[in-house]
Amino acid sequence: MMSIIQYCLYPVILVVIALPLGKYIKKVMFGEKTILSRFLNPVEALIYRITGVDASEEMDWKNTF
């Protein structure tokens, strides 16, 4: 009986999580501010500084090291 409840509850939880996660991913892809931007932007800037990457430089598939 418990396994039936789990099989029914699992898709419901996935759908509930998918909707806000999809909205978050959309904001990230369009460069909009998100809840995590405040915390992750400094980490991203630090990684760019350490690796020597210029964040403002445009890059395509032909760029190499």
PDB file of N, CA and C in Angstrom:
ATOM      1  N   MET A   1       0.819  -1.196   0.000  1.00  0.00           N
ATOM      2  CA  MET A   1       0.000   0.000   0.000  1.00  0.00           C
ATOM      3  C   MET A   1       0.861   1.258   0.000  1.00  0.00           C
ATOM      4  N   MET A   2       1.937   1.219   0.768  1.00  0.00           N
ATOM      5  CA  MET A   2       2.811   2.383   0.867  1.00  0.00           C
ATOM      6  C   MET A   2       3.499   2.672  -0.470  1.00  0.00           C
ATOM      7  N   SER A   3       3.823   1.622  -1.212  1.00  0.00           N
ATOM      8  CA  SER A   3       4.494   1.834  -2.499  1.00  0.00           C
ATOM      9  C   SER A   3       3.552   2.498  -3.506  1.00  0.00           C
ATOM     10  N   ILE A   4       2.266   2.209  -3.437  1.00  0.00           N
ATOM     11  CA  ILE A   4       1.293   2.847  -4.330  1.00  0.00           C
ATOM     12  C   ILE A   4       1.225   4.343  -4.046  1.00  0.00           C
ATOM     13  N   ILE A   5       1.233   4.698  -2.780  1.00  0.00           N
ATOM     14  CA  ILE A   5       1.224   6.119  -2.396  1.00  0.00           C
ATOM     15  C   ILE A   5       2.482   6.810  -2.903  1.00  0.00           C
ATOM     16  N   GLN A   6       3.605   6.148  -2.776  1.00  0.00           N
ATOM     17  CA  GLN A   6       4.859   6.721  -3.254  1.00  0.00           C
ATOM     18  C   GLN A   6       4.853   6.900  -4.765  1.00  0.00           C
ATOM     19  N   TYR A   7       4.332   5.921  -5.496  1.00  0.00           N
ATOM     20  CA  TYR A   7       4.253   6.027  -6.957  1.00  0.00           C
ATOM     21  C   TYR A   7       3.329   7.157  -7.383  1.00  0.00           C
ATOM     22  N   CYS A   8       2.293   7.428  -6.650  1.00  0.00           N
ATOM     23  CA  CYS A   8       1.370   8.520  -6.977  1.00  0.00           C
ATOM     24  C   CYS A   8       1.922   9.871  -6.540  1.00  0.00           C
ATOM     25  N   LEU A   9       2.601   9.890  -5.414  1.00  0.00           N
ATOM     26  CA  LEU A   9       3.110  11.147  -4.867  1.00  0.00           C
ATOM     27  C   LEU A   9       4.344  11.650  -5.624  1.00  0.00           C
ATOM     28  N   TYR A  10       5.163  10.755  -6.122  1.00  0.00           N
ATOM     29  CA  TYR A  10       6.401  11.133  -6.805  1.00  0.00           C
ATOM     30  C   TYR A  10       6.161  12.024  -8.032  1.00  0.00           C
ATOM     31  N   PRO A  11       5.265  11.677  -8.953  1.00  0.00           N
ATOM     32  CA  PRO A  11       5.019  12.576 -10.098  1.00  0.00           C
ATOM     33  C   PRO A  11       4.445  13.932  -9.679  1.00  0.00           C
ATOM     34  N   VAL A  12       3.629  13.935  -8.648  1.00  0.00           N
ATOM     35  CA  VAL A  12       3.062  15.190  -8.156  1.00  0.00           C
ATOM     36  C   VAL A  12       4.181  16.100  -7.644  1.00  0.00           C
ATOM     37  N   ILE A  13       5.100  15.546  -6.885  1.00  0.00           N
ATOM     38  CA  ILE A  13       6.230  16.328  -6.367  1.00  0.00           C
ATOM     39  C   ILE A  13       7.096  16.826  -7.514  1.00  0.00           C
ATOM     40  N   LEU A  14       7.332  16.005  -8.520  1.00  0.00           N
ATOM     41  CA  LEU A  14       8.134  16.432  -9.670  1.00  0.00           C
ATOM     42  C   LEU A  14       7.490  17.607 -10.401  1.00  0.00           C
ATOM     43  N   VAL A  15       6.196  17.557 -10.588  1.00  0.00           N
ATOM     44  CA  VAL A  15       5.499  18.652 -11.274  1.00  0.00           C
ATOM     45  C   VAL A  15       5.546  19.918 -10.439  1.00  0.00           C
ATOM     46  N   VAL A  16       5.342  19.794  -9.148  1.00  0.00           N
ATOM     47  CA  VAL A  16       5.378  20.962  -8.258  1.00  0.00           C
ATOM     48  C   VAL A  16       6.758  21.603  -8.255  1.00  0.00           C
ATOM     49  N   ILE A  17       7.799  20.810  -8.290  1.00  0.00           N
ATOM     50  CA  ILE A  17       9.169  21.336  -8.307  1.00  0.00           C
ATOM     51  C   ILE A  17       9.531  21.874  -9.698  1.00  0.00           C
ATOM     52  N   ALA A  18       9.016  21.254 -10.748  1.00  0.00           N
ATOM     53  CA  ALA A  18       9.389  21.634 -12.113  1.00  0.00           C
ATOM     54  C   ALA A  18       8.932  23.041 -12.478  1.00  0.00           C
ATOM     55  N   LEU A  19       7.783  23.446 -12.010  1.00  0.00           N
ATOM     56  CA  LEU A  19       7.271  24.767 -12.375  1.00  0.00           C
ATOM     57  C   LEU A  19       8.155  25.909 -11.861  1.00  0.00           C
ATOM     58  N   PRO A  20       8.487  25.989 -10.570  1.00  0.00           N
ATOM     59  CA  PRO A  20       9.377  27.068 -10.134  1.00  0.00           C
ATOM     60  C   PRO A  20      10.804  26.930 -10.678  1.00  0.00           C
ATOM     61  N   LEU A  21      11.270  25.693 -10.845  1.00  0.00           N
ATOM     62  CA  LEU A  21      12.610  25.488 -11.393  1.00  0.00           C
ATOM     63  C   LEU A  21      12.673  25.962 -12.841  1.00  0.00           C
ATOM     64  N   GLY A  22      11.622  25.719 -13.615  1.00  0.00           N
ATOM     65  CA  GLY A  22      11.572  26.199 -14.993  1.00  0.00           C
ATOM     66  C   GLY A  22      11.583  27.712 -15.072  1.00  0.00           C
ATOM     67  N   LYS A  23      10.848  28.373 -14.181  1.00  0.00           N
ATOM     68  CA  LYS A  23      10.845  29.840 -14.146  1.00  0.00           C
ATOM     69  C   LYS A  23      12.227  30.377 -13.781  1.00  0.00           C
ATOM     70  N   TYR A  24      12.899  29.706 -12.835  1.00  0.00           N
ATOM     71  CA  TYR A  24      14.243  30.116 -12.444  1.00  0.00           C
ATOM     72  C   TYR A  24      15.221  29.977 -13.606  1.00  0.00           C
ATOM     73  N   ILE A  25      15.171  28.855 -14.309  1.00  0.00           N
ATOM     74  CA  ILE A  25      16.079  28.622 -15.437  1.00  0.00           C
ATOM     75  C   ILE A  25      15.828  29.644 -16.543  1.00  0.00           C
ATOM     76  N   LYS A  26      14.571  29.997 -16.784  1.00  0.00           N
ATOM     77  CA  LYS A  26      14.244  31.007 -17.786  1.00  0.00           C
ATOM     78  C   LYS A  26      14.880  32.348 -17.430  1.00  0.00           C
ATOM     79  N   LYS A  27      14.793  32.735 -16.162  1.00  0.00           N
ATOM     80  CA  LYS A  27      15.401  33.995 -15.725  1.00  0.00           C
ATOM     81  C   LYS A  27      16.917  33.967 -15.899  1.00  0.00           C
ATOM     82  N   VAL A  28      17.527  32.851 -15.575  1.00  0.00           N
ATOM     83  CA  VAL A  28      18.984  32.728 -15.709  1.00  0.00           C
ATOM     84  C   VAL A  28      19.389  32.837 -17.175  1.00  0.00           C
ATOM     85  N   MET A  29      18.668  32.184 -18.057  1.00  0.00           N
ATOM     86  CA  MET A  29      19.010  32.184 -19.483  1.00  0.00           C
ATOM     87  C   MET A  29      18.835  33.559 -20.122  1.00  0.00           C
ATOM     88  N   PHE A  30      17.897  34.357 -19.622  1.00  0.00           N
ATOM     89  CA  PHE A  30      17.689  35.693 -20.166  1.00  0.00           C
ATOM     90  C   PHE A  30      18.487  36.759 -19.428  1.00  0.00           C
ATOM     91  N   GLY A  31      19.294  36.359 -18.449  1.00  0.00           N
ATOM     92  CA  GLY A  31      20.161  37.289 -17.738  1.00  0.00           C
ATOM     93  C   GLY A  31      19.445  38.157 -16.719  1.00  0.00           C
ATOM     94  N   GLU A  32      18.283  37.759 -16.298  1.00  0.00           N
ATOM     95  CA  GLU A  32      17.544  38.514 -15.295  1.00  0.00           C
ATOM     96  C   GLU A  32      18.057  38.163 -13.902  1.00  0.00           C
ATOM     97  N   LYS A  33      17.781  39.050 -12.938  1.00  0.00           N
ATOM     98  CA  LYS A  33      18.195  38.786 -11.562  1.00  0.00           C
ATOM     99  C   LYS A  33      17.312  37.709 -10.952  1.00  0.00           C
ATOM    100  N   THR A  34      17.939  36.874 -10.141  1.00  0.00           N
ATOM    101  CA  THR A  34      17.227  35.806  -9.449  1.00  0.00           C
ATOM    102  C   THR A  34      17.516  35.903  -7.956  1.00  0.00           C
ATOM    103  N   ILE A  35      16.890  35.024  -7.216  1.00  0.00           N
ATOM    104  CA  ILE A  35      17.116  34.999  -5.766  1.00  0.00           C
ATOM    105  C   ILE A  35      18.577  34.656  -5.452  1.00  0.00           C
ATOM    106  N   LEU A  36      19.161  33.763  -6.225  1.00  0.00           N
ATOM    107  CA  LEU A  36      20.526  33.317  -5.963  1.00  0.00           C
ATOM    108  C   LEU A  36      21.591  34.231  -6.559  1.00  0.00           C
ATOM    109  N   SER A  37      21.200  35.201  -7.388  1.00  0.00           N
ATOM    110  CA  SER A  37      22.178  36.088  -8.020  1.00  0.00           C
ATOM    111  C   SER A  37      23.028  36.820  -6.990  1.00  0.00           C
ATOM    112  N   ARG A  38      22.420  37.227  -5.922  1.00  0.00           N
ATOM    113  CA  ARG A  38      23.118  37.972  -4.881  1.00  0.00           C
ATOM    114  C   ARG A  38      24.304  37.178  -4.319  1.00  0.00           C
ATOM    115  N   PHE A  39      24.134  35.866  -4.226  1.00  0.00           N
ATOM    116  CA  PHE A  39      25.171  35.024  -3.627  1.00  0.00           C
ATOM    117  C   PHE A  39      26.109  34.420  -4.661  1.00  0.00           C
ATOM    118  N   LEU A  40      25.582  34.111  -5.842  1.00  0.00           N
ATOM    119  CA  LEU A  40      26.399  33.411  -6.828  1.00  0.00           C
ATOM    120  C   LEU A  40      27.205  34.347  -7.730  1.00  0.00           C
ATOM    121  N   ASN A  41      26.780  35.593  -7.926  1.00  0.00           N
ATOM    122  CA  ASN A  41      27.537  36.517  -8.773  1.00  0.00           C
ATOM    123  C   ASN A  41      28.950  36.772  -8.250  1.00  0.00           C
ATOM    124  N   PRO A  42      29.148  36.991  -6.938  1.00  0.00           N
ATOM    125  CA  PRO A  42      30.526  37.136  -6.451  1.00  0.00           C
ATOM    126  C   PRO A  42      31.377  35.881  -6.649  1.00  0.00           C
ATOM    127  N   VAL A  43      30.773  34.719  -6.499  1.00  0.00           N
ATOM    128  CA  VAL A  43      31.502  33.460  -6.708  1.00  0.00           C
ATOM    129  C   VAL A  43      31.898  33.339  -8.178  1.00  0.00           C
ATOM    130  N   GLU A  44      30.973  33.677  -9.065  1.00  0.00           N
ATOM    131  CA  GLU A  44      31.256  33.621 -10.500  1.00  0.00           C
ATOM    132  C   GLU A  44      32.372  34.600 -10.870  1.00  0.00           C
ATOM    133  N   ALA A  45      32.309  35.820 -10.313  1.00  0.00           N
ATOM    134  CA  ALA A  45      33.350  36.815 -10.593  1.00  0.00           C
ATOM    135  C   ALA A  45      34.710  36.342 -10.094  1.00  0.00           C
ATOM    136  N   LEU A  46      34.739  35.695  -8.957  1.00  0.00           N
ATOM    137  CA  LEU A  46      35.996  35.168  -8.421  1.00  0.00           C
ATOM    138  C   LEU A  46      36.565  34.080  -9.330  1.00  0.00           C
ATOM    139  N   ILE A  47      35.709  33.192  -9.790  1.00  0.00           N
ATOM    140  CA  ILE A  47      36.170  32.130 -10.699  1.00  0.00           C
ATOM    141  C   ILE A  47      36.694  32.733 -11.993  1.00  0.00           C
ATOM    142  N   TYR A  48      36.004  33.745 -12.533  1.00  0.00           N
ATOM    143  CA  TYR A  48      36.488  34.423 -13.741  1.00  0.00           C
ATOM    144  C   TYR A  48      37.849  35.061 -13.508  1.00  0.00           C
ATOM    145  N   ARG A  49      38.021  35.694 -12.353  1.00  0.00           N
ATOM    146  CA  ARG A  49      39.294  36.361 -12.050  1.00  0.00           C
ATOM    147  C   ARG A  49      40.424  35.340 -11.934  1.00  0.00           C
ATOM    148  N   ILE A  50      40.156  34.232 -11.274  1.00  0.00           N
ATOM    149  CA  ILE A  50      41.180  33.194 -11.086  1.00  0.00           C
ATOM    150  C   ILE A  50      41.580  32.575 -12.423  1.00  0.00           C
ATOM    151  N   THR A  51      40.597  32.321 -13.282  1.00  0.00           N
ATOM    152  CA  THR A  51      40.887  31.668 -14.555  1.00  0.00           C
ATOM    153  C   THR A  51      41.276  32.639 -15.666  1.00  0.00           C
ATOM    154  N   GLY A  52      41.139  33.942 -15.426  1.00  0.00           N
ATOM    155  CA  GLY A  52      41.532  34.930 -16.423  1.00  0.00           C
ATOM    156  C   GLY A  52      40.532  35.128 -17.540  1.00  0.00           C
ATOM    157  N   VAL A  53      39.276  34.861 -17.272  1.00  0.00           N
ATOM    158  CA  VAL A  53      38.224  35.004 -18.280  1.00  0.00           C
ATOM    159  C   VAL A  53      37.639  36.407 -18.210  1.00  0.00           C
ATOM    160  N   ASP A  54      37.461  37.037 -19.377  1.00  0.00           N
ATOM    161  CA  ASP A  54      36.811  38.345 -19.449  1.00  0.00           C
ATOM    162  C   ASP A  54      35.318  38.116 -19.685  1.00  0.00           C
ATOM    163  N   ALA A  55      34.490  38.447 -18.700  1.00  0.00           N
ATOM    164  CA  ALA A  55      33.056  38.170 -18.776  1.00  0.00           C
ATOM    165  C   ALA A  55      32.362  39.015 -19.835  1.00  0.00           C
ATOM    166  N   SER A  56      32.922  40.153 -20.176  1.00  0.00           N
ATOM    167  CA  SER A  56      32.270  41.031 -21.152  1.00  0.00           C
ATOM    168  C   SER A  56      32.622  40.659 -22.594  1.00  0.00           C
ATOM    169  N   GLU A  57      33.587  39.768 -22.776  1.00  0.00           N
ATOM    170  CA  GLU A  57      34.015  39.382 -24.116  1.00  0.00           C
ATOM    171  C   GLU A  57      33.050  38.369 -24.724  1.00  0.00           C
ATOM    172  N   GLU A  58      32.639  38.626 -25.960  1.00  0.00           N
ATOM    173  CA  GLU A  58      31.754  37.706 -26.670  1.00  0.00           C
ATOM    174  C   GLU A  58      32.553  36.468 -27.093  1.00  0.00           C
ATOM    175  N   MET A  59      31.904  35.289 -27.013  1.00  0.00           N
ATOM    176  CA  MET A  59      32.601  34.051 -27.364  1.00  0.00           C
ATOM    177  C   MET A  59      31.708  33.190 -28.231  1.00  0.00           C
ATOM    178  N   ASP A  60      32.303  32.568 -29.231  1.00  0.00           N
ATOM    179  CA  ASP A  60      31.552  31.633 -30.064  1.00  0.00           C
ATOM    180  C   ASP A  60      32.307  30.316 -30.114  1.00  0.00           C
ATOM    181  N   TRP A  61      31.842  29.418 -30.928  1.00  0.00           N
ATOM    182  CA  TRP A  61      32.411  28.078 -30.945  1.00  0.00           C
ATOM    183  C   TRP A  61      33.803  28.014 -31.554  1.00  0.00           C
ATOM    184  N   LYS A  62      34.225  29.081 -32.261  1.00  0.00           N
ATOM    185  CA  LYS A  62      35.537  29.064 -32.908  1.00  0.00           C
ATOM    186  C   LYS A  62      36.653  29.548 -31.988  1.00  0.00           C
ATOM    187  N   ASN A  63      36.336  30.173 -30.866  1.00  0.00           N
ATOM    188  CA  ASN A  63      37.360  30.653 -29.936  1.00  0.00           C
ATOM    189  C   ASN A  63      38.076  29.478 -29.292  1.00  0.00           C
ATOM    190  N   THR A  64      39.380  29.597 -29.194  1.00  0.00           N
ATOM    191  CA  THR A  64      40.184  28.564 -28.560  1.00  0.00           C
ATOM    192  C   THR A  64      41.076  29.212 -27.523  1.00  0.00           C
ATOM    193  N   PHE A  65      41.779  28.383 -26.801  1.00  0.00           N
ATOM    194  CA  PHE A  65      42.679  28.889 -25.774  1.00  0.00           C
ATOM    195  C   PHE A  65      43.836  29.478 -26.479  1.00  0.00           C
TER     196      PHE A  65
END
